[in-house]
Amino acid sequence: MSQDNMIKMECTICKTVTHHSRKNKKILKNRLELSKYCKQCKKNTLHKETK
């Protein structure tokens, strides 16, 4: 798996990086925002793509 397609997903509430994912950067230009489970908050929260 190439590293240039990997992105980090950060929780918007507690600001911890809890998930990694892949993204096609040629198709998706904007940053991803997904609802995912956060281990620190212990609930589903909005996660945003970080640098």
PDB file of N, CA and C in Angstrom:
ATOM      1  N   MET A   1       0.846  -1.171   0.000  1.00  0.00           N
ATOM      2  CA  MET A   1       0.000   0.000   0.000  1.00  0.00           C
ATOM      3  C   MET A   1       0.896   1.241   0.000  1.00  0.00           C
ATOM      4  N   SER A   2       0.623   2.142  -0.908  1.00  0.00           N
ATOM      5  CA  SER A   2       1.475   3.326  -1.010  1.00  0.00           C
ATOM      6  C   SER A   2       1.133   4.342   0.075  1.00  0.00           C
ATOM      7  N   GLN A   3       2.151   5.002   0.568  1.00  0.00           N
ATOM      8  CA  GLN A   3       1.979   5.944   1.660  1.00  0.00           C
ATOM      9  C   GLN A   3       1.355   7.266   1.232  1.00  0.00           C
ATOM     10  N   ASP A   4       1.411   7.607  -0.046  1.00  0.00           N
ATOM     11  CA  ASP A   4       0.846   8.878  -0.483  1.00  0.00           C
ATOM     12  C   ASP A   4      -0.679   8.830  -0.534  1.00  0.00           C
ATOM     13  N   ASN A   5      -1.289   7.653  -0.489  1.00  0.00           N
ATOM     14  CA  ASN A   5      -2.746   7.543  -0.447  1.00  0.00           C
ATOM     15  C   ASN A   5      -3.285   7.453   0.980  1.00  0.00           C
ATOM     16  N   MET A   6      -2.412   7.285   1.952  1.00  0.00           N
ATOM     17  CA  MET A   6      -2.847   7.147   3.341  1.00  0.00           C
ATOM     18  C   MET A   6      -3.175   8.505   3.950  1.00  0.00           C
ATOM     19  N   ILE A   7      -4.242   8.537   4.747  1.00  0.00           N
ATOM     20  CA  ILE A   7      -4.619   9.759   5.460  1.00  0.00           C
ATOM     21  C   ILE A   7      -4.873   9.413   6.922  1.00  0.00           C
ATOM     22  N   LYS A   8      -4.750  10.395   7.791  1.00  0.00           N
ATOM     23  CA  LYS A   8      -5.047  10.232   9.209  1.00  0.00           C
ATOM     24  C   LYS A   8      -6.395  10.874   9.492  1.00  0.00           C
ATOM     25  N   MET A   9      -7.182  10.230  10.330  1.00  0.00           N
ATOM     26  CA  MET A   9      -8.483  10.760  10.723  1.00  0.00           C
ATOM     27  C   MET A   9      -8.404  11.178  12.193  1.00  0.00           C
ATOM     28  N   GLU A  10      -8.727  12.442  12.462  1.00  0.00           N
ATOM     29  CA  GLU A  10      -8.629  13.004  13.801  1.00  0.00           C
ATOM     30  C   GLU A  10     -10.015  13.295  14.348  1.00  0.00           C
ATOM     31  N   CYS A  11     -10.253  12.949  15.583  1.00  0.00           N
ATOM     32  CA  CYS A  11     -11.523  13.226  16.245  1.00  0.00           C
ATOM     33  C   CYS A  11     -11.668  14.737  16.455  1.00  0.00           C
ATOM     34  N   THR A  12     -12.852  15.267  16.180  1.00  0.00           N
ATOM     35  CA  THR A  12     -13.055  16.709  16.323  1.00  0.00           C
ATOM     36  C   THR A  12     -13.271  17.123  17.774  1.00  0.00           C
ATOM     37  N   ILE A  13     -13.608  16.187  18.644  1.00  0.00           N
ATOM     38  CA  ILE A  13     -13.865  16.524  20.043  1.00  0.00           C
ATOM     39  C   ILE A  13     -12.590  16.435  20.887  1.00  0.00           C
ATOM     40  N   CYS A  14     -11.941  15.271  20.869  1.00  0.00           N
ATOM     41  CA  CYS A  14     -10.766  15.100  21.734  1.00  0.00           C
ATOM     42  C   CYS A  14      -9.437  15.313  21.013  1.00  0.00           C
ATOM     43  N   LYS A  15      -9.465  15.520  19.679  1.00  0.00           N
ATOM     44  CA  LYS A  15      -8.290  15.851  18.863  1.00  0.00           C
ATOM     45  C   LYS A  15      -7.223  14.753  18.846  1.00  0.00           C
ATOM     46  N   THR A  16      -7.614  13.494  18.969  1.00  0.00           N
ATOM     47  CA  THR A  16      -6.655  12.409  18.867  1.00  0.00           C
ATOM     48  C   THR A  16      -6.808  11.709  17.519  1.00  0.00           C
ATOM     49  N   VAL A  17      -5.697  11.231  16.984  1.00  0.00           N
ATOM     50  CA  VAL A  17      -5.712  10.498  15.721  1.00  0.00           C
ATOM     51  C   VAL A  17      -6.027   9.041  16.049  1.00  0.00           C
ATOM     52  N   THR A  18      -7.201   8.589  15.657  1.00  0.00           N
ATOM     53  CA  THR A  18      -7.638   7.247  16.021  1.00  0.00           C
ATOM     54  C   THR A  18      -7.804   6.323  14.827  1.00  0.00           C
ATOM     55  N   HIS A  19      -7.876   6.846  13.612  1.00  0.00           N
ATOM     56  CA  HIS A  19      -8.084   6.015  12.429  1.00  0.00           C
ATOM     57  C   HIS A  19      -7.160   6.434  11.299  1.00  0.00           C
ATOM     58  N   HIS A  20      -6.830   5.452  10.456  1.00  0.00           N
ATOM     59  CA  HIS A  20      -6.096   5.687   9.211  1.00  0.00           C
ATOM     60  C   HIS A  20      -6.949   5.135   8.087  1.00  0.00           C
ATOM     61  N   SER A  21      -6.862   5.781   6.949  1.00  0.00           N
ATOM     62  CA  SER A  21      -7.666   5.359   5.818  1.00  0.00           C
ATOM     63  C   SER A  21      -6.924   5.664   4.528  1.00  0.00           C
ATOM     64  N   ARG A  22      -7.530   5.280   3.406  1.00  0.00           N
ATOM     65  CA  ARG A  22      -6.972   5.563   2.088  1.00  0.00           C
ATOM     66  C   ARG A  22      -7.903   6.488   1.333  1.00  0.00           C
ATOM     67  N   LYS A  23      -7.315   7.304   0.468  1.00  0.00           N
ATOM     68  CA  LYS A  23      -8.114   8.236  -0.316  1.00  0.00           C
ATOM     69  C   LYS A  23      -7.462   8.420  -1.673  1.00  0.00           C
ATOM     70  N   ASN A  24      -8.269   8.443  -2.720  1.00  0.00           N
ATOM     71  CA  ASN A  24      -7.787   8.755  -4.061  1.00  0.00           C
ATOM     72  C   ASN A  24      -7.741  10.281  -4.176  1.00  0.00           C
ATOM     73  N   LYS A  25      -6.560  10.844  -4.144  1.00  0.00           N
ATOM     74  CA  LYS A  25      -6.416  12.299  -4.111  1.00  0.00           C
ATOM     75  C   LYS A  25      -6.659  12.963  -5.452  1.00  0.00           C
ATOM     76  N   LYS A  26      -6.687  12.173  -6.524  1.00  0.00           N
ATOM     77  CA  LYS A  26      -6.998  12.734  -7.834  1.00  0.00           C
ATOM     78  C   LYS A  26      -8.495  12.991  -7.982  1.00  0.00           C
ATOM     79  N   ILE A  27      -9.303  12.175  -7.353  1.00  0.00           N
ATOM     80  CA  ILE A  27     -10.760  12.311  -7.456  1.00  0.00           C
ATOM     81  C   ILE A  27     -11.301  13.211  -6.348  1.00  0.00           C
ATOM     82  N   LEU A  28     -10.889  12.951  -5.116  1.00  0.00           N
ATOM     83  CA  LEU A  28     -11.388  13.711  -3.962  1.00  0.00           C
ATOM     84  C   LEU A  28     -10.401  14.814  -3.609  1.00  0.00           C
ATOM     85  N   LYS A  29     -10.763  16.040  -3.882  1.00  0.00           N
ATOM     86  CA  LYS A  29      -9.872  17.175  -3.610  1.00  0.00           C
ATOM     87  C   LYS A  29     -10.056  17.725  -2.204  1.00  0.00           C
ATOM     88  N   ASN A  30     -11.274  17.670  -1.684  1.00  0.00           N
ATOM     89  CA  ASN A  30     -11.554  18.223  -0.361  1.00  0.00           C
ATOM     90  C   ASN A  30     -11.182  17.217   0.728  1.00  0.00           C
ATOM     91  N   ARG A  31     -11.101  17.717   1.952  1.00  0.00           N
ATOM     92  CA  ARG A  31     -10.795  16.844   3.080  1.00  0.00           C
ATOM     93  C   ARG A  31     -12.017  16.018   3.459  1.00  0.00           C
ATOM     94  N   LEU A  32     -11.743  14.780   3.858  1.00  0.00           N
ATOM     95  CA  LEU A  32     -12.824  13.880   4.241  1.00  0.00           C
ATOM     96  C   LEU A  32     -13.341  14.197   5.633  1.00  0.00           C
ATOM     97  N   GLU A  33     -14.637  14.000   5.820  1.00  0.00           N
ATOM     98  CA  GLU A  33     -15.263  14.101   7.134  1.00  0.00           C
ATOM     99  C   GLU A  33     -16.200  12.909   7.269  1.00  0.00           C
ATOM    100  N   LEU A  34     -15.884  12.031   8.223  1.00  0.00           N
ATOM    101  CA  LEU A  34     -16.676  10.827   8.421  1.00  0.00           C
ATOM    102  C   LEU A  34     -17.019  10.663   9.885  1.00  0.00           C
ATOM    103  N   SER A  35     -18.139  10.018  10.133  1.00  0.00           N
ATOM    104  CA  SER A  35     -18.526   9.685  11.493  1.00  0.00           C
ATOM    105  C   SER A  35     -17.945   8.321  11.830  1.00  0.00           C
ATOM    106  N   LYS A  36     -17.062   8.291  12.816  1.00  0.00           N
ATOM    107  CA  LYS A  36     -16.395   7.054  13.218  1.00  0.00           C
ATOM    108  C   LYS A  36     -16.390   6.942  14.732  1.00  0.00           C
ATOM    109  N   TYR A  37     -16.134   5.734  15.221  1.00  0.00           N
ATOM    110  CA  TYR A  37     -16.077   5.491  16.656  1.00  0.00           C
ATOM    111  C   TYR A  37     -14.733   5.934  17.214  1.00  0.00           C
ATOM    112  N   CYS A  38     -14.764   6.723  18.266  1.00  0.00           N
ATOM    113  CA  CYS A  38     -13.549   7.195  18.932  1.00  0.00           C
ATOM    114  C   CYS A  38     -13.357   6.401  20.225  1.00  0.00           C
ATOM    115  N   LYS A  39     -12.163   5.823  20.402  1.00  0.00           N
ATOM    116  CA  LYS A  39     -11.874   5.035  21.596  1.00  0.00           C
ATOM    117  C   LYS A  39     -11.746   5.900  22.839  1.00  0.00           C
ATOM    118  N   GLN A  40     -11.286   7.136  22.663  1.00  0.00           N
ATOM    119  CA  GLN A  40     -11.113   8.035  23.798  1.00  0.00           C
ATOM    120  C   GLN A  40     -12.452   8.570  24.314  1.00  0.00           C
ATOM    121  N   CYS A  41     -13.331   8.961  23.375  1.00  0.00           N
ATOM    122  CA  CYS A  41     -14.639   9.515  23.741  1.00  0.00           C
ATOM    123  C   CYS A  41     -15.664   8.421  24.025  1.00  0.00           C
ATOM    124  N   LYS A  42     -15.411   7.216  23.511  1.00  0.00           N
ATOM    125  CA  LYS A  42     -16.297   6.064  23.647  1.00  0.00           C
ATOM    126  C   LYS A  42     -17.668   6.293  23.028  1.00  0.00           C
ATOM    127  N   LYS A  43     -17.680   6.954  21.851  1.00  0.00           N
ATOM    128  CA  LYS A  43     -18.918   7.154  21.104  1.00  0.00           C
ATOM    129  C   LYS A  43     -18.571   7.526  19.662  1.00  0.00           C
ATOM    130  N   ASN A  44     -19.573   7.539  18.810  1.00  0.00           N
ATOM    131  CA  ASN A  44     -19.381   7.951  17.420  1.00  0.00           C
ATOM    132  C   ASN A  44     -19.273   9.459  17.349  1.00  0.00           C
ATOM    133  N   THR A  45     -18.210   9.943  16.740  1.00  0.00           N
ATOM    134  CA  THR A  45     -17.993  11.385  16.599  1.00  0.00           C
ATOM    135  C   THR A  45     -17.550  11.676  15.171  1.00  0.00           C
ATOM    136  N   LEU A  46     -17.553  12.923  14.823  1.00  0.00           N
ATOM    137  CA  LEU A  46     -17.098  13.348  13.509  1.00  0.00           C
ATOM    138  C   LEU A  46     -15.580  13.335  13.480  1.00  0.00           C
ATOM    139  N   HIS A  47     -15.014  12.706  12.454  1.00  0.00           N
ATOM    140  CA  HIS A  47     -13.559  12.648  12.277  1.00  0.00           C
ATOM    141  C   HIS A  47     -13.212  13.381  10.986  1.00  0.00           C
ATOM    142  N   LYS A  48     -12.185  14.207  11.062  1.00  0.00           N
ATOM    143  CA  LYS A  48     -11.732  14.964   9.887  1.00  0.00           C
ATOM    144  C   LYS A  48     -10.347  14.510   9.491  1.00  0.00           C
ATOM    145  N   GLU A  49     -10.054  14.681   8.224  1.00  0.00           N
ATOM    146  CA  GLU A  49      -8.736  14.339   7.689  1.00  0.00           C
ATOM    147  C   GLU A  49      -7.707  15.375   8.137  1.00  0.00           C
ATOM    148  N   THR A  50      -6.547  14.902   8.563  1.00  0.00           N
ATOM    149  CA  THR A  50      -5.464  15.805   8.966  1.00  0.00           C
ATOM    150  C   THR A  50      -4.351  15.720   7.928  1.00  0.00           C
ATOM    151  N   LYS A  51      -3.325  16.544   8.084  1.00  0.00           N
ATOM    152  CA  LYS A  51      -2.185  16.534   7.162  1.00  0.00           C
ATOM    153  C   LYS A  51      -1.279  15.360   7.433  1.00  0.00           C
TER     154      LYS A  51
END
